[in-house]
Amino acid sequence: MAEYEKKVRNILSEYGCKFMRHGKGDHDIWFSPITNRKIVVDGKIKSRHIANEIMKQSGISYRF
């Protein structure tokens, strides 16, 4: 299976999303200026469906 966490973090950064803090376990909290919301990003994203859901929550139209 592919690992998507690095790609997701790079795309979030490109679109102006900012890392806020570490969450519980291996999750991180990011802020999206597009949707004005906080987003939870898992440290081990193995499913493209979860990666796409993170993109959707952040307001970015990128799909894997």
PDB file of N, CA and C in Angstrom:
ATOM      1  N   MET A   1       0.837  -1.189   0.000  1.00  0.00           N
ATOM      2  CA  MET A   1       0.000   0.000   0.000  1.00  0.00           C
ATOM      3  C   MET A   1       0.880   1.251   0.000  1.00  0.00           C
ATOM      4  N   ALA A   2       0.344   2.268  -0.561  1.00  0.00           N
ATOM      5  CA  ALA A   2       1.083   3.532  -0.639  1.00  0.00           C
ATOM      6  C   ALA A   2       0.962   4.291   0.681  1.00  0.00           C
ATOM      7  N   GLU A   3       1.950   5.094   0.952  1.00  0.00           N
ATOM      8  CA  GLU A   3       1.940   5.952   2.134  1.00  0.00           C
ATOM      9  C   GLU A   3       1.651   7.370   1.661  1.00  0.00           C
ATOM     10  N   TYR A   4       0.621   7.989   2.185  1.00  0.00           N
ATOM     11  CA  TYR A   4       0.172   9.285   1.697  1.00  0.00           C
ATOM     12  C   TYR A   4       0.500  10.448   2.629  1.00  0.00           C
ATOM     13  N   GLU A   5       0.971  10.186   3.851  1.00  0.00           N
ATOM     14  CA  GLU A   5       1.106  11.281   4.814  1.00  0.00           C
ATOM     15  C   GLU A   5       2.057  12.382   4.359  1.00  0.00           C
ATOM     16  N   LYS A   6       3.159  12.028   3.736  1.00  0.00           N
ATOM     17  CA  LYS A   6       4.118  13.038   3.284  1.00  0.00           C
ATOM     18  C   LYS A   6       3.521  13.893   2.161  1.00  0.00           C
ATOM     19  N   LYS A   7       2.830  13.243   1.219  1.00  0.00           N
ATOM     20  CA  LYS A   7       2.188  13.962   0.116  1.00  0.00           C
ATOM     21  C   LYS A   7       1.097  14.889   0.636  1.00  0.00           C
ATOM     22  N   VAL A   8       0.299  14.393   1.589  1.00  0.00           N
ATOM     23  CA  VAL A   8      -0.789  15.202   2.157  1.00  0.00           C
ATOM     24  C   VAL A   8      -0.221  16.437   2.851  1.00  0.00           C
ATOM     25  N   ARG A   9       0.810  16.261   3.657  1.00  0.00           N
ATOM     26  CA  ARG A   9       1.413  17.394   4.385  1.00  0.00           C
ATOM     27  C   ARG A   9       2.015  18.421   3.412  1.00  0.00           C
ATOM     28  N   ASN A  10       2.653  17.949   2.349  1.00  0.00           N
ATOM     29  CA  ASN A  10       3.221  18.869   1.356  1.00  0.00           C
ATOM     30  C   ASN A  10       2.131  19.669   0.647  1.00  0.00           C
ATOM     31  N   ILE A  11       1.042  19.005   0.279  1.00  0.00           N
ATOM     32  CA  ILE A  11      -0.059  19.697  -0.401  1.00  0.00           C
ATOM     33  C   ILE A  11      -0.723  20.691   0.535  1.00  0.00           C
ATOM     34  N   LEU A  12      -0.929  20.301   1.796  1.00  0.00           N
ATOM     35  CA  LEU A  12      -1.513  21.236   2.767  1.00  0.00           C
ATOM     36  C   LEU A  12      -0.649  22.487   2.896  1.00  0.00           C
ATOM     37  N   SER A  13       0.657  22.305   2.973  1.00  0.00           N
ATOM     38  CA  SER A  13       1.574  23.442   3.085  1.00  0.00           C
ATOM     39  C   SER A  13       1.534  24.329   1.846  1.00  0.00           C
ATOM     40  N   GLU A  14       1.461  23.721   0.663  1.00  0.00           N
ATOM     41  CA  GLU A  14       1.412  24.485  -0.591  1.00  0.00           C
ATOM     42  C   GLU A  14       0.188  25.394  -0.651  1.00  0.00           C
ATOM     43  N   TYR A  15      -0.925  24.936  -0.081  1.00  0.00           N
ATOM     44  CA  TYR A  15      -2.162  25.706  -0.119  1.00  0.00           C
ATOM     45  C   TYR A  15      -2.322  26.643   1.082  1.00  0.00           C
ATOM     46  N   GLY A  16      -1.290  26.784   1.883  1.00  0.00           N
ATOM     47  CA  GLY A  16      -1.308  27.752   2.975  1.00  0.00           C
ATOM     48  C   GLY A  16      -1.804  27.227   4.297  1.00  0.00           C
ATOM     49  N   CYS A  17      -2.037  25.938   4.407  1.00  0.00           N
ATOM     50  CA  CYS A  17      -2.459  25.363   5.684  1.00  0.00           C
ATOM     51  C   CYS A  17      -1.253  25.330   6.621  1.00  0.00           C
ATOM     52  N   LYS A  18      -1.509  25.533   7.898  1.00  0.00           N
ATOM     53  CA  LYS A  18      -0.435  25.625   8.889  1.00  0.00           C
ATOM     54  C   LYS A  18      -0.550  24.530   9.935  1.00  0.00           C
ATOM     55  N   PHE A  19       0.598  23.952  10.284  1.00  0.00           N
ATOM     56  CA  PHE A  19       0.661  23.001  11.383  1.00  0.00           C
ATOM     57  C   PHE A  19       0.439  23.774  12.677  1.00  0.00           C
ATOM     58  N   MET A  20      -0.481  23.297  13.512  1.00  0.00           N
ATOM     59  CA  MET A  20      -0.764  23.975  14.778  1.00  0.00           C
ATOM     60  C   MET A  20      -0.077  23.293  15.956  1.00  0.00           C
ATOM     61  N   ARG A  21      -0.345  21.980  16.093  1.00  0.00           N
ATOM     62  CA  ARG A  21       0.204  21.257  17.247  1.00  0.00           C
ATOM     63  C   ARG A  21       0.068  19.756  17.024  1.00  0.00           C
ATOM     64  N   HIS A  22       0.728  19.007  17.906  1.00  0.00           N
ATOM     65  CA  HIS A  22       0.571  17.554  17.903  1.00  0.00           C
ATOM     66  C   HIS A  22      -0.690  17.220  18.685  1.00  0.00           C
ATOM     67  N   GLY A  23      -1.415  16.236  18.194  1.00  0.00           N
ATOM     68  CA  GLY A  23      -2.604  15.771  18.891  1.00  0.00           C
ATOM     69  C   GLY A  23      -2.287  14.504  19.662  1.00  0.00           C
ATOM     70  N   LYS A  24      -3.319  13.729  19.940  1.00  0.00           N
ATOM     71  CA  LYS A  24      -3.115  12.475  20.656  1.00  0.00           C
ATOM     72  C   LYS A  24      -2.538  11.424  19.714  1.00  0.00           C
ATOM     73  N   GLY A  25      -1.685  10.587  20.252  1.00  0.00           N
ATOM     74  CA  GLY A  25      -1.074   9.532  19.452  1.00  0.00           C
ATOM     75  C   GLY A  25      -0.188  10.113  18.366  1.00  0.00           C
ATOM     76  N   ASP A  26      -0.376   9.648  17.151  1.00  0.00           N
ATOM     77  CA  ASP A  26       0.435  10.144  16.042  1.00  0.00           C
ATOM     78  C   ASP A  26      -0.350  11.093  15.143  1.00  0.00           C
ATOM     79  N   HIS A  27      -1.359  11.741  15.699  1.00  0.00           N
ATOM     80  CA  HIS A  27      -2.158  12.701  14.938  1.00  0.00           C
ATOM     81  C   HIS A  27      -1.624  14.119  15.124  1.00  0.00           C
ATOM     82  N   ASP A  28      -1.775  14.922  14.092  1.00  0.00           N
ATOM     83  CA  ASP A  28      -1.388  16.333  14.145  1.00  0.00           C
ATOM     84  C   ASP A  28      -2.608  17.186  13.816  1.00  0.00           C
ATOM     85  N   ILE A  29      -2.640  18.385  14.370  1.00  0.00           N
ATOM     86  CA  ILE A  29      -3.727  19.322  14.116  1.00  0.00           C
ATOM     87  C   ILE A  29      -3.194  20.410  13.186  1.00  0.00           C
ATOM     88  N   TRP A  30      -3.877  20.613  12.062  1.00  0.00           N
ATOM     89  CA  TRP A  30      -3.538  21.630  11.078  1.00  0.00           C
ATOM     90  C   TRP A  30      -4.690  22.617  10.982  1.00  0.00           C
ATOM     91  N   PHE A  31      -4.396  23.836  10.523  1.00  0.00           N
ATOM     92  CA  PHE A  31      -5.425  24.842  10.306  1.00  0.00           C
ATOM     93  C   PHE A  31      -5.493  25.178   8.821  1.00  0.00           C
ATOM     94  N   SER A  32      -6.711  25.173   8.268  1.00  0.00           N
ATOM     95  CA  SER A  32      -6.908  25.515   6.867  1.00  0.00           C
ATOM     96  C   SER A  32      -7.509  26.910   6.759  1.00  0.00           C
ATOM     97  N   PRO A  33      -6.798  27.856   6.124  1.00  0.00           N
ATOM     98  CA  PRO A  33      -7.359  29.191   5.933  1.00  0.00           C
ATOM     99  C   PRO A  33      -8.466  29.212   4.878  1.00  0.00           C
ATOM    100  N   ILE A  34      -8.552  28.168   4.067  1.00  0.00           N
ATOM    101  CA  ILE A  34      -9.581  28.087   3.025  1.00  0.00           C
ATOM    102  C   ILE A  34     -10.953  27.874   3.656  1.00  0.00           C
ATOM    103  N   THR A  35     -11.034  26.922   4.585  1.00  0.00           N
ATOM    104  CA  THR A  35     -12.310  26.619   5.241  1.00  0.00           C
ATOM    105  C   THR A  35     -12.405  27.231   6.633  1.00  0.00           C
ATOM    106  N   ASN A  36     -11.304  27.789   7.129  1.00  0.00           N
ATOM    107  CA  ASN A  36     -11.242  28.386   8.462  1.00  0.00           C
ATOM    108  C   ASN A  36     -11.552  27.336   9.537  1.00  0.00           C
ATOM    109  N   ARG A  37     -11.024  26.111   9.343  1.00  0.00           N
ATOM    110  CA  ARG A  37     -11.245  25.007  10.269  1.00  0.00           C
ATOM    111  C   ARG A  37      -9.935  24.326  10.640  1.00  0.00           C
ATOM    112  N   LYS A  38      -9.997  23.598  11.739  1.00  0.00           N
ATOM    113  CA  LYS A  38      -8.892  22.726  12.123  1.00  0.00           C
ATOM    114  C   LYS A  38      -9.109  21.364  11.486  1.00  0.00           C
ATOM    115  N   ILE A  39      -8.005  20.716  11.101  1.00  0.00           N
ATOM    116  CA  ILE A  39      -8.045  19.418  10.444  1.00  0.00           C
ATOM    117  C   ILE A  39      -7.136  18.462  11.214  1.00  0.00           C
ATOM    118  N   VAL A  40      -7.595  17.253  11.427  1.00  0.00           N
ATOM    119  CA  VAL A  40      -6.777  16.218  12.059  1.00  0.00           C
ATOM    120  C   VAL A  40      -6.113  15.402  10.955  1.00  0.00           C
ATOM    121  N   VAL A  41      -4.788  15.311  11.028  1.00  0.00           N
ATOM    122  CA  VAL A  41      -4.024  14.555  10.028  1.00  0.00           C
ATOM    123  C   VAL A  41      -3.309  13.421  10.748  1.00  0.00           C
ATOM    124  N   ASP A  42      -3.609  12.209  10.338  1.00  0.00           N
ATOM    125  CA  ASP A  42      -2.996  11.025  10.920  1.00  0.00           C
ATOM    126  C   ASP A  42      -1.542  10.924  10.473  1.00  0.00           C
ATOM    127  N   GLY A  43      -0.707  10.349  11.305  1.00  0.00           N
ATOM    128  CA  GLY A  43       0.698  10.184  10.966  1.00  0.00           C
ATOM    129  C   GLY A  43       0.963   9.027  10.037  1.00  0.00           C
ATOM    130  N   LYS A  44       0.004   8.126   9.898  1.00  0.00           N
ATOM    131  CA  LYS A  44       0.156   6.959   9.025  1.00  0.00           C
ATOM    132  C   LYS A  44      -1.072   6.855   8.128  1.00  0.00           C
ATOM    133  N   ILE A  45      -1.078   7.571   7.018  1.00  0.00           N
ATOM    134  CA  ILE A  45      -2.199   7.544   6.083  1.00  0.00           C
ATOM    135  C   ILE A  45      -1.880   6.503   5.012  1.00  0.00           C
ATOM    136  N   LYS A  46      -2.565   5.363   5.073  1.00  0.00           N
ATOM    137  CA  LYS A  46      -2.308   4.289   4.121  1.00  0.00           C
ATOM    138  C   LYS A  46      -3.402   4.171   3.072  1.00  0.00           C
ATOM    139  N   SER A  47      -4.516   4.854   3.271  1.00  0.00           N
ATOM    140  CA  SER A  47      -5.651   4.759   2.357  1.00  0.00           C
ATOM    141  C   SER A  47      -5.818   6.061   1.582  1.00  0.00           C
ATOM    142  N   ARG A  48      -6.010   5.960   0.274  1.00  0.00           N
ATOM    143  CA  ARG A  48      -6.229   7.164  -0.514  1.00  0.00           C
ATOM    144  C   ARG A  48      -7.563   7.803  -0.171  1.00  0.00           C
ATOM    145  N   HIS A  49      -8.507   6.995   0.338  1.00  0.00           N
ATOM    146  CA  HIS A  49      -9.806   7.539   0.721  1.00  0.00           C
ATOM    147  C   HIS A  49      -9.679   8.483   1.915  1.00  0.00           C
ATOM    148  N   ILE A  50      -8.849   8.124   2.862  1.00  0.00           N
ATOM    149  CA  ILE A  50      -8.617   9.003   4.011  1.00  0.00           C
ATOM    150  C   ILE A  50      -7.849  10.241   3.569  1.00  0.00           C
ATOM    151  N   ALA A  51      -6.870  10.072   2.689  1.00  0.00           N
ATOM    152  CA  ALA A  51      -6.127  11.223   2.169  1.00  0.00           C
ATOM    153  C   ALA A  51      -7.070  12.170   1.433  1.00  0.00           C
ATOM    154  N   ASN A  52      -7.991  11.627   0.641  1.00  0.00           N
ATOM    155  CA  ASN A  52      -8.963  12.467  -0.067  1.00  0.00           C
ATOM    156  C   ASN A  52      -9.913  13.165   0.898  1.00  0.00           C
ATOM    157  N   GLU A  53     -10.288  12.514   1.976  1.00  0.00           N
ATOM    158  CA  GLU A  53     -11.170  13.134   2.966  1.00  0.00           C
ATOM    159  C   GLU A  53     -10.478  14.304   3.665  1.00  0.00           C
ATOM    160  N   ILE A  54      -9.193  14.172   3.932  1.00  0.00           N
ATOM    161  CA  ILE A  54      -8.428  15.279   4.517  1.00  0.00           C
ATOM    162  C   ILE A  54      -8.390  16.457   3.551  1.00  0.00           C
ATOM    163  N   MET A  55      -8.176  16.173   2.263  1.00  0.00           N
ATOM    164  CA  MET A  55      -8.189  17.238   1.253  1.00  0.00           C
ATOM    165  C   MET A  55      -9.561  17.909   1.208  1.00  0.00           C
ATOM    166  N   LYS A  56     -10.617  17.123   1.270  1.00  0.00           N
ATOM    167  CA  LYS A  56     -11.979  17.658   1.224  1.00  0.00           C
ATOM    168  C   LYS A  56     -12.250  18.546   2.449  1.00  0.00           C
ATOM    169  N   GLN A  57     -11.847  18.092   3.631  1.00  0.00           N
ATOM    170  CA  GLN A  57     -12.063  18.866   4.854  1.00  0.00           C
ATOM    171  C   GLN A  57     -11.282  20.172   4.841  1.00  0.00           C
ATOM    172  N   SER A  58     -10.138  20.180   4.169  1.00  0.00           N
ATOM    173  CA  SER A  58      -9.319  21.387   4.121  1.00  0.00           C
ATOM    174  C   SER A  58      -9.745  22.340   3.013  1.00  0.00           C
ATOM    175  N   GLY A  59     -10.668  21.912   2.139  1.00  0.00           N
ATOM    176  CA  GLY A  59     -11.150  22.774   1.065  1.00  0.00           C
ATOM    177  C   GLY A  59     -10.285  22.758  -0.177  1.00  0.00           C
ATOM    178  N   ILE A  60      -9.391  21.786  -0.279  1.00  0.00           N
ATOM    179  CA  ILE A  60      -8.488  21.661  -1.417  1.00  0.00           C
ATOM    180  C   ILE A  60      -9.091  20.659  -2.390  1.00  0.00           C
ATOM    181  N   SER A  61      -9.145  21.007  -3.664  1.00  0.00           N
ATOM    182  CA  SER A  61      -9.793  20.142  -4.651  1.00  0.00           C
ATOM    183  C   SER A  61      -8.864  19.067  -5.217  1.00  0.00           C
ATOM    184  N   TYR A  62      -7.732  18.824  -4.609  1.00  0.00           N
ATOM    185  CA  TYR A  62      -6.790  17.786  -5.059  1.00  0.00           C
ATOM    186  C   TYR A  62      -7.331  16.405  -4.658  1.00  0.00           C
ATOM    187  N   ARG A  63      -7.239  15.427  -5.567  1.00  0.00           N
ATOM    188  CA  ARG A  63      -7.656  14.058  -5.279  1.00  0.00           C
ATOM    189  C   ARG A  63      -6.548  13.082  -5.638  1.00  0.00           C
ATOM    190  N   PHE A  64      -6.375  12.070  -4.826  1.00  0.00           N
ATOM    191  CA  PHE A  64      -5.372  11.034  -5.065  1.00  0.00           C
ATOM    192  C   PHE A  64      -5.961   9.921  -5.887  1.00  0.00           C
TER     193      PHE A  64
END
